[in-house]
Protein backbone atom coordinates (compact mmCIF):
# COMPACT_ATOMS: atom_id res chain seq x y z
CA MET A 1 -33.18 12.49 -6.49
CA VAL A 2 -32.50 9.55 -4.08
CA LEU A 3 -29.62 7.19 -4.99
CA LEU A 4 -28.68 3.97 -3.43
CA GLY A 5 -25.04 3.68 -2.79
CA ILE A 6 -23.02 0.53 -2.39
CA GLU A 7 -19.35 0.31 -1.33
CA THR A 8 -17.40 -2.94 -1.20
CA SER A 9 -13.94 -1.90 -2.35
CA CYS A 10 -12.10 -3.45 0.61
CA ASP A 11 -13.44 -4.82 3.84
CA ASP A 12 -16.26 -2.57 4.79
CA THR A 13 -19.76 -3.61 3.60
CA ALA A 14 -21.53 -0.44 3.12
CA THR A 15 -24.84 0.92 1.84
CA ALA A 16 -26.48 4.35 1.99
CA LEU A 17 -29.41 6.38 0.63
CA VAL A 18 -28.57 9.97 -0.20
CA ALA A 19 -30.93 12.60 -1.54
CA ASP A 20 -29.64 15.23 -4.06
CA GLY A 21 -26.01 14.25 -3.35
CA ARG A 22 -25.99 15.82 0.08
CA ASP A 23 -28.74 14.63 2.54
CA VAL A 24 -27.90 11.29 3.98
CA LEU A 25 -31.24 9.50 4.67
CA ALA A 26 -29.49 6.33 5.92
CA SER A 27 -25.96 5.00 6.06
CA VAL A 28 -25.03 1.47 6.99
CA SER A 29 -21.51 0.16 7.36
CA THR A 30 -20.28 -3.16 8.74
CA ASN A 31 -16.44 -3.61 9.26
CA GLN A 32 -14.81 -7.09 9.23
CA ASP A 33 -12.05 -6.22 11.75
CA ALA A 34 -12.80 -9.27 13.93
CA PHE A 35 -12.36 -11.64 10.97
CA HIS A 36 -8.99 -10.18 9.81
CA ALA A 37 -7.43 -9.23 13.19
CA LYS A 38 -5.72 -12.67 13.84
CA TYR A 39 -4.00 -12.29 10.42
CA GLY A 40 -2.77 -8.73 11.14
CA GLY A 41 -4.34 -7.44 7.89
CA ILE A 42 -7.02 -7.88 5.41
CA VAL A 43 -7.37 -11.33 3.69
CA PRO A 44 -9.04 -10.77 0.34
CA GLU A 45 -10.93 -14.04 0.19
CA ILE A 46 -12.52 -13.49 3.58
CA ALA A 47 -13.41 -9.94 2.75
CA SER A 48 -15.25 -10.95 -0.52
CA ARG A 49 -17.13 -13.78 1.30
CA ARG A 50 -18.19 -11.46 4.07
CA HIS A 51 -19.55 -9.09 1.57
CA VAL A 52 -21.65 -11.94 -0.07
CA ALA A 53 -23.06 -12.74 3.41
CA LEU A 54 -23.73 -9.15 4.57
CA LEU A 55 -24.65 -7.02 1.42
CA SER A 56 -28.31 -7.92 0.99
CA ALA A 57 -29.08 -7.32 4.67
CA ALA A 58 -27.23 -4.06 4.49
CA VAL A 59 -29.38 -2.83 1.59
CA GLU A 60 -32.56 -3.83 3.48
CA ASP A 61 -31.27 -2.14 6.65
CA ALA A 62 -30.55 1.14 4.87
CA LEU A 63 -34.11 1.13 3.25
CA GLY A 64 -35.73 0.43 6.59
CA ARG A 65 -33.82 3.35 8.21
CA ALA A 66 -34.78 5.74 5.50
CA ASN A 67 -38.37 4.49 5.39
CA LEU A 68 -38.20 3.78 1.73
CA ALA A 69 -38.96 0.97 -0.56
CA LEU A 70 -36.65 -0.09 -3.41
CA PRO A 71 -39.05 1.14 -6.24
CA GLN A 72 -38.80 4.66 -4.62
CA ILE A 73 -35.09 5.16 -5.44
CA ASN A 74 -33.84 6.84 -8.64
CA GLY A 75 -30.80 4.97 -9.32
CA VAL A 76 -28.06 2.73 -8.01
CA ALA A 77 -24.46 3.96 -7.47
CA VAL A 78 -21.67 1.48 -6.85
CA THR A 79 -17.95 1.48 -6.40
CA ARG A 80 -16.34 -0.13 -9.36
CA GLY A 81 -12.74 0.43 -8.48
CA PRO A 82 -10.01 0.75 -7.45
CA GLY A 83 -9.86 -1.85 -4.78
CA LEU A 84 -9.83 -5.55 -4.15
CA ILE A 85 -11.18 -7.37 -7.06
CA GLY A 86 -13.11 -10.06 -5.20
CA SER A 87 -14.77 -7.36 -3.01
CA LEU A 88 -15.57 -5.08 -5.90
CA VAL A 89 -17.17 -7.88 -7.92
CA VAL A 90 -19.62 -8.62 -5.18
CA GLY A 91 -20.76 -4.90 -4.96
CA VAL A 92 -20.85 -4.41 -8.79
CA ALA A 93 -22.83 -7.63 -9.45
CA SER A 94 -25.36 -6.79 -6.75
CA ALA A 95 -25.79 -3.26 -8.05
CA LYS A 96 -26.37 -4.50 -11.64
CA ALA A 97 -28.85 -6.90 -10.41
CA LEU A 98 -30.84 -4.26 -8.59
CA ALA A 99 -30.68 -1.81 -11.37
CA PHE A 100 -31.95 -4.35 -13.89
CA ALA A 101 -34.73 -5.58 -11.60
CA LEU A 102 -35.86 -2.12 -10.83
CA GLY A 103 -35.39 -0.58 -14.27
CA LYS A 104 -33.20 2.18 -12.73
CA PRO A 105 -29.96 3.90 -13.89
CA LEU A 106 -26.65 2.36 -12.84
CA TYR A 107 -23.67 4.53 -11.95
CA GLY A 108 -20.17 3.04 -11.58
CA VAL A 109 -18.15 5.25 -9.27
CA ASN A 110 -14.41 5.64 -8.66
CA HIS A 111 -13.83 5.06 -5.09
CA LEU A 112 -11.37 7.98 -4.81
CA HIS A 113 -13.92 10.30 -6.31
CA GLY A 114 -16.20 9.26 -3.52
CA HIS A 115 -13.71 10.52 -1.04
CA ILE A 116 -13.56 13.79 -2.91
CA PHE A 117 -17.30 14.24 -2.34
CA ALA A 118 -17.54 13.10 1.22
CA PRO A 119 -17.29 16.76 2.53
CA PHE A 120 -20.43 17.49 0.54
CA LEU A 121 -22.53 15.24 2.85
CA ASP A 122 -24.83 16.54 5.47
CA ARG A 123 -24.14 20.27 4.90
CA SER A 124 -25.77 23.10 3.06
CA ASP A 125 -22.41 24.85 2.13
CA PRO A 126 -20.32 22.35 0.14
CA PRO A 127 -16.82 23.13 -0.90
CA PRO A 128 -16.76 25.70 -3.74
CA TYR A 129 -14.88 25.01 -6.90
CA PRO A 130 -11.96 25.12 -7.48
CA PHE A 131 -10.66 23.42 -4.36
CA LEU A 132 -7.65 21.52 -3.31
CA ALA A 133 -8.12 17.97 -1.88
CA LEU A 134 -5.64 16.14 0.40
CA LEU A 135 -6.81 12.49 0.13
CA VAL A 136 -5.18 10.24 2.66
CA SER A 137 -6.14 6.64 3.30
CA GLY A 138 -4.77 3.16 3.78
CA GLY A 139 -4.22 2.65 0.11
CA HIS A 140 -3.82 6.26 -1.36
CA SER A 141 -2.23 9.50 -0.49
CA GLN A 142 -2.48 12.26 -2.94
CA LEU A 143 -3.08 15.94 -3.62
CA VAL A 144 -5.92 16.64 -6.19
CA ALA A 145 -6.72 19.88 -7.96
CA VAL A 146 -10.57 19.78 -8.25
CA GLU A 147 -11.92 22.23 -10.87
CA SER A 148 -15.34 20.74 -11.15
CA ALA A 149 -17.29 17.50 -10.54
CA THR A 150 -15.33 15.73 -13.25
CA GLY A 151 -12.31 18.04 -13.79
CA MET A 152 -9.85 16.57 -11.23
CA ARG A 153 -6.17 16.27 -11.60
CA ILE A 154 -3.64 14.65 -9.37
CA ILE A 155 -0.80 16.94 -8.63
CA GLY A 156 1.05 14.97 -5.94
CA ARG A 157 1.04 11.27 -5.02
CA THR A 158 2.96 8.80 -2.94
CA HIS A 159 5.97 6.95 -4.45
CA ASP A 160 5.52 3.96 -2.15
CA ASP A 161 3.47 3.55 1.13
CA ALA A 162 0.31 5.51 1.46
CA ALA A 163 0.08 7.31 4.92
CA GLY A 164 -2.51 4.86 6.21
CA GLU A 165 -0.38 1.95 5.15
CA ALA A 166 2.60 3.46 7.02
CA PHE A 167 0.45 3.90 10.07
CA ASP A 168 -0.67 0.42 10.00
CA LYS A 169 2.71 -1.17 9.38
CA THR A 170 4.33 1.00 12.22
CA ALA A 171 1.53 0.07 14.56
CA ARG A 172 2.41 -3.62 13.84
CA LEU A 173 6.06 -2.74 14.66
CA LEU A 174 4.81 -1.41 18.12
CA GLY A 175 2.86 -4.52 18.76
CA LEU A 176 -0.50 -2.67 18.50
CA PRO A 177 -3.63 -4.72 17.45
CA TYR A 178 -5.31 -4.50 14.04
CA PRO A 179 -6.55 -2.09 12.71
CA GLY A 180 -3.37 -0.42 13.72
CA GLY A 181 -3.94 3.26 12.46
CA PRO A 182 -6.53 4.32 15.09
CA GLU A 183 -4.67 2.35 17.78
CA LEU A 184 -1.50 4.25 16.96
CA ASP A 185 -3.30 7.59 17.15
CA ARG A 186 -4.65 6.80 20.66
CA LEU A 187 -1.21 5.78 21.82
CA ALA A 188 0.47 8.74 20.37
CA GLN A 189 -1.97 11.07 22.29
CA ARG A 190 -0.07 10.02 25.52
CA GLY A 191 3.47 10.51 24.08
CA ASN A 192 5.99 13.27 23.24
CA PRO A 193 5.96 14.13 19.48
CA ARG A 194 9.47 15.52 19.87
CA ALA A 195 11.04 12.64 21.74
CA HIS A 196 12.62 11.15 18.45
CA ALA A 197 13.69 12.87 15.34
CA PHE A 198 12.43 10.62 12.63
CA PRO A 199 13.15 11.80 9.00
CA ARG A 200 10.80 13.88 6.83
CA HIS A 201 10.72 13.05 3.11
CA ARG A 202 11.80 16.03 1.08
CA PRO A 203 11.14 15.67 -2.76
CA ALA A 204 12.83 17.68 -5.52
CA ALA A 205 11.95 21.42 -5.37
CA ASP A 206 9.23 21.25 -8.06
CA SER A 207 7.64 18.06 -6.77
CA LEU A 208 4.55 17.69 -4.58
CA ASP A 209 5.06 13.84 -4.26
CA LEU A 210 5.06 11.96 -0.99
CA SER A 211 6.92 9.02 0.36
CA PHE A 212 6.61 7.23 3.80
CA SER A 213 8.42 3.98 3.22
CA GLY A 214 11.67 5.44 4.58
CA LEU A 215 9.94 6.86 7.66
CA LYS A 216 8.48 3.37 8.44
CA THR A 217 12.00 1.77 7.92
CA SER A 218 13.62 4.31 10.21
CA VAL A 219 11.18 3.51 12.98
CA ARG A 220 11.94 -0.21 12.55
CA TYR A 221 15.72 0.35 12.74
CA PHE A 222 15.24 2.63 15.80
CA LEU A 223 13.19 -0.04 17.61
CA GLU A 224 15.82 -2.62 16.84
CA SER A 225 18.63 -0.45 18.38
CA PRO A 226 19.62 -0.33 21.93
CA ALA A 227 18.02 3.12 22.50
CA GLY A 228 14.79 1.88 20.81
CA ARG A 229 14.47 -1.13 23.04
CA ASP A 230 14.17 1.16 26.08
CA ALA A 231 12.11 3.87 24.45
CA LYS A 232 8.50 4.42 25.47
CA HIS A 233 6.22 3.29 22.85
CA GLU A 234 3.80 6.24 23.23
CA ASP A 235 6.73 8.56 22.41
CA VAL A 236 7.70 6.51 19.27
CA ALA A 237 4.11 6.57 18.17
CA ALA A 238 3.81 10.40 18.78
CA SER A 239 7.12 11.12 16.95
CA PHE A 240 6.24 8.92 13.95
CA GLN A 241 2.77 10.43 13.84
CA ALA A 242 4.40 13.95 13.93
CA ALA A 243 6.66 13.18 10.98
CA VAL A 244 3.71 11.96 8.87
CA VAL A 245 1.75 15.07 9.70
CA ASP A 246 4.65 17.36 9.01
CA VAL A 247 5.15 15.86 5.54
CA LEU A 248 1.48 16.01 4.69
CA MET A 249 1.01 19.65 5.79
CA ALA A 250 4.30 20.78 4.15
CA ARG A 251 3.13 19.38 0.72
CA LEU A 252 -0.38 20.77 1.24
CA HIS A 253 0.92 24.18 1.88
CA ALA A 254 3.20 24.05 -1.23
CA ALA A 255 0.24 22.91 -3.29
CA TYR A 256 -2.14 25.49 -2.07
CA LYS A 257 0.45 28.36 -2.84
CA ARG A 258 0.76 27.11 -6.40
CA GLY A 259 -2.92 27.32 -7.28
CA ASN A 260 -5.87 29.63 -7.05
CA TYR A 261 -8.20 27.63 -4.81
CA ARG A 262 -11.24 28.83 -2.98
CA ALA A 263 -11.04 26.07 -0.39
CA VAL A 264 -9.15 23.08 0.81
CA ILE A 265 -10.63 19.63 1.87
CA LEU A 266 -9.17 16.79 3.90
CA SER A 267 -10.64 13.31 3.26
CA GLY A 268 -9.89 9.56 3.49
CA GLY A 269 -9.64 7.38 6.53
CA VAL A 270 -6.45 9.15 7.80
CA ALA A 271 -8.35 12.34 7.74
CA ALA A 272 -9.83 11.05 11.08
CA ASN A 273 -6.46 11.17 12.72
CA SER A 274 -6.52 13.59 15.68
CA ALA A 275 -3.01 15.03 15.11
CA LEU A 276 -3.68 15.66 11.30
CA GLN A 277 -7.05 17.31 11.99
CA THR A 278 -5.48 19.63 14.60
CA ALA A 279 -2.60 20.53 12.25
CA PHE A 280 -5.07 21.06 9.37
CA ARG A 281 -7.17 23.38 11.39
CA THR A 282 -4.25 25.32 12.69
CA TRP A 283 -2.95 25.79 9.22
CA SER A 284 -6.31 26.98 8.07
CA ASP A 285 -6.48 29.66 10.76
CA ARG A 286 -2.92 30.87 10.23
CA ASN A 287 -3.37 31.12 6.51
CA ASP A 288 -7.02 32.27 6.45
CA VAL A 289 -8.08 29.34 4.25
CA THR A 290 -11.59 27.85 4.21
CA VAL A 291 -11.37 24.18 4.95
CA PHE A 292 -13.69 21.06 5.02
CA ILE A 293 -13.38 17.88 6.84
CA PRO A 294 -15.98 15.19 6.63
CA PRO A 295 -17.55 13.88 9.86
CA PRO A 296 -15.72 10.71 11.06
CA GLN A 297 -18.24 8.40 9.72
CA TYR A 298 -17.65 9.75 6.21
CA CYS A 299 -13.82 9.80 6.33
CA THR A 300 -13.57 6.06 6.22
CA ASP A 301 -15.02 3.94 3.49
CA ASN A 302 -18.71 4.56 3.26
CA ALA A 303 -21.53 4.27 0.69
CA ALA A 304 -22.87 7.84 1.18
CA MET A 305 -19.88 9.18 -0.54
CA VAL A 306 -20.39 6.95 -3.48
CA ALA A 307 -24.00 8.07 -3.94
CA ALA A 308 -22.82 11.70 -3.60
CA ALA A 309 -20.24 11.29 -6.25
CA ALA A 310 -22.74 9.63 -8.72
CA TYR A 311 -25.18 12.53 -8.12
CA HIS A 312 -22.64 15.34 -8.61
CA GLN A 313 -21.16 13.65 -11.66
CA ARG A 314 -24.47 12.43 -13.30
CA ASP A 315 -24.77 15.40 -15.78
CA VAL A 316 -21.80 14.50 -17.75
CA ALA A 317 -21.49 10.70 -16.84
CA ARG A 318 -23.47 8.52 -19.11
CA VAL A 319 -25.54 5.84 -17.35
CA ASP A 320 -23.46 2.70 -17.22
CA PRO A 321 -24.56 -0.42 -19.00
CA LEU A 322 -25.36 -3.65 -17.19
CA THR A 323 -22.13 -5.07 -18.71
CA LEU A 324 -20.28 -2.75 -16.18
CA SER A 325 -17.27 -4.51 -14.75
CA ALA A 326 -15.24 -4.08 -11.58
CA ASP A 327 -11.72 -2.64 -12.18
CA PRO A 328 -9.26 -3.00 -9.34
CA ASN A 329 -6.88 -0.62 -11.13
CA LEU A 330 -9.52 1.81 -12.19
CA PRO A 331 -7.59 5.14 -13.17
CA PHE A 332 -8.31 8.33 -11.31
CA GLU A 333 -9.36 10.18 -14.51
CA PHE A 334 -13.11 10.24 -14.96
CA ALA A 335 -13.65 6.92 -16.73
CA SER A 336 -17.15 7.71 -18.11
CA LEU A 337 -15.67 10.50 -20.34
CA ALA A 338 -13.23 8.06 -22.08
């Protein structure tokens, strides 16, 4: 079963062809960093217009790489939310047009569910249910108990900034270019993570929730202080990054101890962070836990994960009608069961 995946939830125009929810036949992704860099962040209107300009070519590119023609696909999977409404509308409209023209099933996918299924790609031994997922990206940071393809429950979430958002904002404080997260990671690799004692958020004893807004503010106040003006930026970056990783791993460990999980996955754009990956693998070795991390190209937003989610959820998901609409605030619960 070959599905065409389309992902336009933010500023990456992505398409993919995936067989049986696992084998990636082609994956195409075009970022818009050059268009947003001078603004220091994503401009929604620019993002949606770039999707309009790029999406048709991205579909053709994926088909060419997979040596397939459109009539050979078995369905169209598209991110319907959450995300930027203008960007989502472009992808959903294109997917509906393709499904109608081809007479193929249409599957509207939750973007966050896509990240859950990213570790299933290009491997013969996918994560076994039930597993615990740590999903960390620019817009979301949450812990998810995954019982089945559609039985997912958020057990911990951020109260304010997501981890990736905190990375980007702190990178801006350090004068790093956009996109800031990867730049901060590279800078931190040259610094001392114990140079500065930035705070770690500690929730109530029974909570698994996260918060990074206070950490970001602490870095800002430090940089404005006399000591901060003379501090090495690589040490500030490394110390900030260490604080984020400590909080994420502490919450992950607490969540794992409360459940009966067979594996743990790390997914989302921040999953590509070098310090977090090192801490995650070290934790796995110390606790004898089976863990899964997608390859870097499937950590960030991509269409292969969208096609994978549609495939694995298809047995209980009805085929969506051609009246499917984009939903920037799509809830995490499996919408097709509502």
